N, C-alpha and C. Protein backbone atom coordinates (compact mmCIF):
# COMPACT_ATOMS: atom_id res chain seq x y z
N UNK A 1 185.87 144.31 131.01
CA UNK A 1 185.20 145.48 130.64
C UNK A 1 186.16 146.63 130.15
N UNK A 2 187.46 146.52 130.65
CA UNK A 2 188.49 147.48 130.26
C UNK A 2 188.60 148.53 131.44
N UNK A 3 189.18 149.52 131.09
CA UNK A 3 189.59 150.70 132.04
C UNK A 3 188.40 151.75 132.14
N UNK A 4 188.23 152.18 133.38
CA UNK A 4 187.22 153.22 133.51
C UNK A 4 187.78 154.17 134.52
N UNK A 5 187.80 155.52 134.28
CA UNK A 5 188.30 156.40 135.21
C UNK A 5 187.05 157.32 135.55
N UNK A 6 186.90 157.50 136.81
CA UNK A 6 185.75 158.39 137.27
C UNK A 6 185.02 157.88 138.50
N UNK A 7 183.97 158.53 138.81
CA UNK A 7 183.23 158.21 140.00
C UNK A 7 181.75 158.20 139.63
N UNK A 8 180.93 157.57 140.54
CA UNK A 8 179.56 157.49 140.46
C UNK A 8 178.90 158.09 141.69
N UNK A 9 177.89 158.89 141.42
CA UNK A 9 177.19 159.56 142.57
C UNK A 9 175.94 158.78 142.74
N UNK A 10 175.59 158.17 143.87
CA UNK A 10 174.40 157.53 144.09
C UNK A 10 173.61 158.28 145.12
N UNK A 11 172.35 158.60 144.78
CA UNK A 11 171.51 159.52 145.46
C UNK A 11 170.23 158.76 145.85
N UNK A 12 169.61 159.04 147.01
CA UNK A 12 168.31 158.70 147.35
C UNK A 12 167.60 160.02 147.77
N UNK A 13 166.51 160.42 147.00
CA UNK A 13 165.83 161.57 147.20
C UNK A 13 164.38 161.23 147.67
N UNK A 14 163.83 162.05 148.58
CA UNK A 14 162.47 161.91 149.08
C UNK A 14 161.55 162.55 148.23
N UNK A 15 160.22 162.45 148.50
CA UNK A 15 159.14 163.02 147.77
C UNK A 15 159.18 164.55 148.02
N UNK A 16 159.88 164.96 149.10
CA UNK A 16 159.99 166.47 149.35
C UNK A 16 161.25 166.98 148.79
N UNK A 17 161.96 166.26 148.08
CA UNK A 17 163.19 166.63 147.41
C UNK A 17 164.47 166.65 148.32
N UNK A 18 164.35 166.08 149.47
CA UNK A 18 165.43 165.95 150.41
C UNK A 18 166.33 164.85 149.92
N UNK A 19 167.65 164.92 150.33
CA UNK A 19 168.63 163.85 150.03
C UNK A 19 168.96 163.08 151.35
N UNK A 20 168.21 162.13 151.80
CA UNK A 20 168.52 161.47 152.97
C UNK A 20 169.69 160.51 152.90
N UNK A 21 170.20 160.22 151.84
CA UNK A 21 171.34 159.25 151.54
C UNK A 21 172.11 159.61 150.27
N UNK A 22 173.41 159.77 150.49
CA UNK A 22 174.27 159.98 149.35
C UNK A 22 175.58 159.16 149.50
N UNK A 23 176.07 158.63 148.36
CA UNK A 23 177.34 157.95 148.39
C UNK A 23 178.08 158.04 147.08
N UNK A 24 179.42 158.21 147.20
CA UNK A 24 180.29 158.37 145.97
C UNK A 24 181.14 157.11 145.92
N UNK A 25 181.04 156.48 144.76
CA UNK A 25 181.90 155.28 144.58
C UNK A 25 182.78 155.38 143.31
N UNK A 26 183.90 154.63 143.20
CA UNK A 26 184.59 154.59 142.01
C UNK A 26 183.87 154.10 140.81
N UNK A 27 184.09 154.47 139.68
CA UNK A 27 183.32 154.20 138.42
C UNK A 27 183.18 152.72 138.10
N UNK A 28 184.10 151.87 138.67
CA UNK A 28 184.07 150.46 138.35
C UNK A 28 183.18 149.59 139.37
N UNK A 29 182.58 150.27 140.30
CA UNK A 29 181.75 149.52 141.29
C UNK A 29 180.33 149.24 140.78
N UNK A 30 179.80 148.08 140.91
CA UNK A 30 178.51 147.69 140.44
C UNK A 30 177.48 148.64 141.19
N UNK A 31 176.46 149.11 140.42
CA UNK A 31 175.46 149.98 140.91
C UNK A 31 174.73 149.38 142.22
N UNK A 32 174.54 148.10 142.21
CA UNK A 32 173.81 147.44 143.33
C UNK A 32 174.61 147.32 144.63
N UNK A 33 175.96 147.42 144.57
CA UNK A 33 176.83 147.26 145.73
C UNK A 33 176.58 148.29 146.83
N UNK A 34 176.30 149.63 146.67
CA UNK A 34 176.17 150.59 147.68
C UNK A 34 174.65 150.59 148.10
N UNK A 35 173.76 149.85 147.45
CA UNK A 35 172.31 150.09 147.77
C UNK A 35 171.91 149.63 149.19
N UNK A 36 172.44 148.62 149.74
CA UNK A 36 172.03 148.28 151.14
C UNK A 36 172.53 149.41 152.08
N UNK A 37 173.67 149.99 151.97
CA UNK A 37 174.00 151.09 152.86
C UNK A 37 173.17 152.21 152.58
N UNK A 38 172.84 152.57 151.36
CA UNK A 38 172.03 153.73 150.99
C UNK A 38 170.57 153.59 151.62
N UNK A 39 170.05 152.41 151.61
CA UNK A 39 168.62 152.17 151.98
C UNK A 39 168.48 151.71 153.53
N UNK A 40 169.63 151.69 154.22
CA UNK A 40 169.70 151.05 155.60
C UNK A 40 168.64 151.78 156.51
N UNK A 41 168.60 153.12 156.48
CA UNK A 41 167.72 153.87 157.34
C UNK A 41 166.40 154.29 156.93
N UNK A 42 166.17 153.85 155.65
CA UNK A 42 164.89 154.29 155.00
C UNK A 42 163.74 153.48 155.39
N UNK A 43 162.59 154.13 155.38
CA UNK A 43 161.28 153.52 155.63
C UNK A 43 160.35 153.70 154.51
N UNK A 44 159.51 152.71 154.13
CA UNK A 44 158.51 152.96 153.05
C UNK A 44 159.01 152.17 151.81
N UNK A 45 158.57 152.65 150.61
CA UNK A 45 158.91 151.94 149.42
C UNK A 45 160.14 152.48 148.78
N UNK A 46 160.88 151.65 148.20
CA UNK A 46 162.12 152.06 147.46
C UNK A 46 162.01 151.80 145.95
N UNK A 47 162.14 152.82 145.14
CA UNK A 47 162.01 152.59 143.75
C UNK A 47 163.38 152.93 143.12
N UNK A 48 163.57 152.22 142.00
CA UNK A 48 164.94 152.40 141.24
C UNK A 48 164.77 151.88 139.90
N UNK A 49 165.76 152.13 139.04
CA UNK A 49 165.74 151.68 137.77
C UNK A 49 166.26 150.28 137.73
N UNK A 50 166.29 149.53 136.56
CA UNK A 50 166.68 148.15 136.59
C UNK A 50 167.98 147.81 137.05
N UNK A 51 168.95 148.86 136.98
CA UNK A 51 170.21 148.53 137.44
C UNK A 51 170.35 148.30 138.90
N UNK A 52 169.29 148.70 139.73
CA UNK A 52 169.26 148.62 141.21
C UNK A 52 168.31 147.54 141.62
N UNK A 53 167.29 147.28 140.87
CA UNK A 53 166.17 146.34 141.29
C UNK A 53 166.63 144.88 141.18
N UNK A 54 166.54 144.14 142.16
CA UNK A 54 166.80 142.76 142.09
C UNK A 54 166.42 142.04 143.48
N UNK A 55 166.31 140.75 143.53
CA UNK A 55 165.91 140.03 144.74
C UNK A 55 166.97 140.34 145.85
N UNK A 56 168.22 140.32 145.60
CA UNK A 56 169.24 140.59 146.65
C UNK A 56 169.49 142.08 146.90
N UNK A 57 169.07 142.92 146.06
CA UNK A 57 169.45 144.33 146.08
C UNK A 57 168.73 145.07 147.22
N UNK A 58 167.56 144.77 147.57
CA UNK A 58 166.90 145.37 148.56
C UNK A 58 167.11 144.97 150.04
N UNK A 59 167.79 144.03 150.31
CA UNK A 59 168.13 143.51 151.58
C UNK A 59 166.83 143.35 152.45
N UNK A 60 165.84 142.64 151.85
CA UNK A 60 164.57 142.35 152.68
C UNK A 60 163.51 143.38 152.52
N UNK A 61 163.90 144.56 151.93
CA UNK A 61 162.81 145.55 151.77
C UNK A 61 162.20 145.36 150.52
N UNK A 62 160.86 145.82 150.38
CA UNK A 62 160.05 145.57 149.19
C UNK A 62 160.68 146.67 148.08
N UNK A 63 161.13 146.06 146.92
CA UNK A 63 161.54 147.01 145.83
C UNK A 63 160.40 147.14 144.94
N UNK A 64 160.19 148.35 144.44
CA UNK A 64 159.05 148.58 143.54
C UNK A 64 159.46 149.17 142.26
């Protein structure tokens, strides 16, 4: 893919606008890699764009 400089900010926000989980990763990290750590303490449904959704992405939780 070549060189990439920068960072990605991964956020989880609740229906109340709270940020229960936040993670900063280098720009070359796959979007799915931090997902298990971001969703570890969450309960309920987890929604994301196609970059996050996949059978291994949700670590046993239902992805919607």
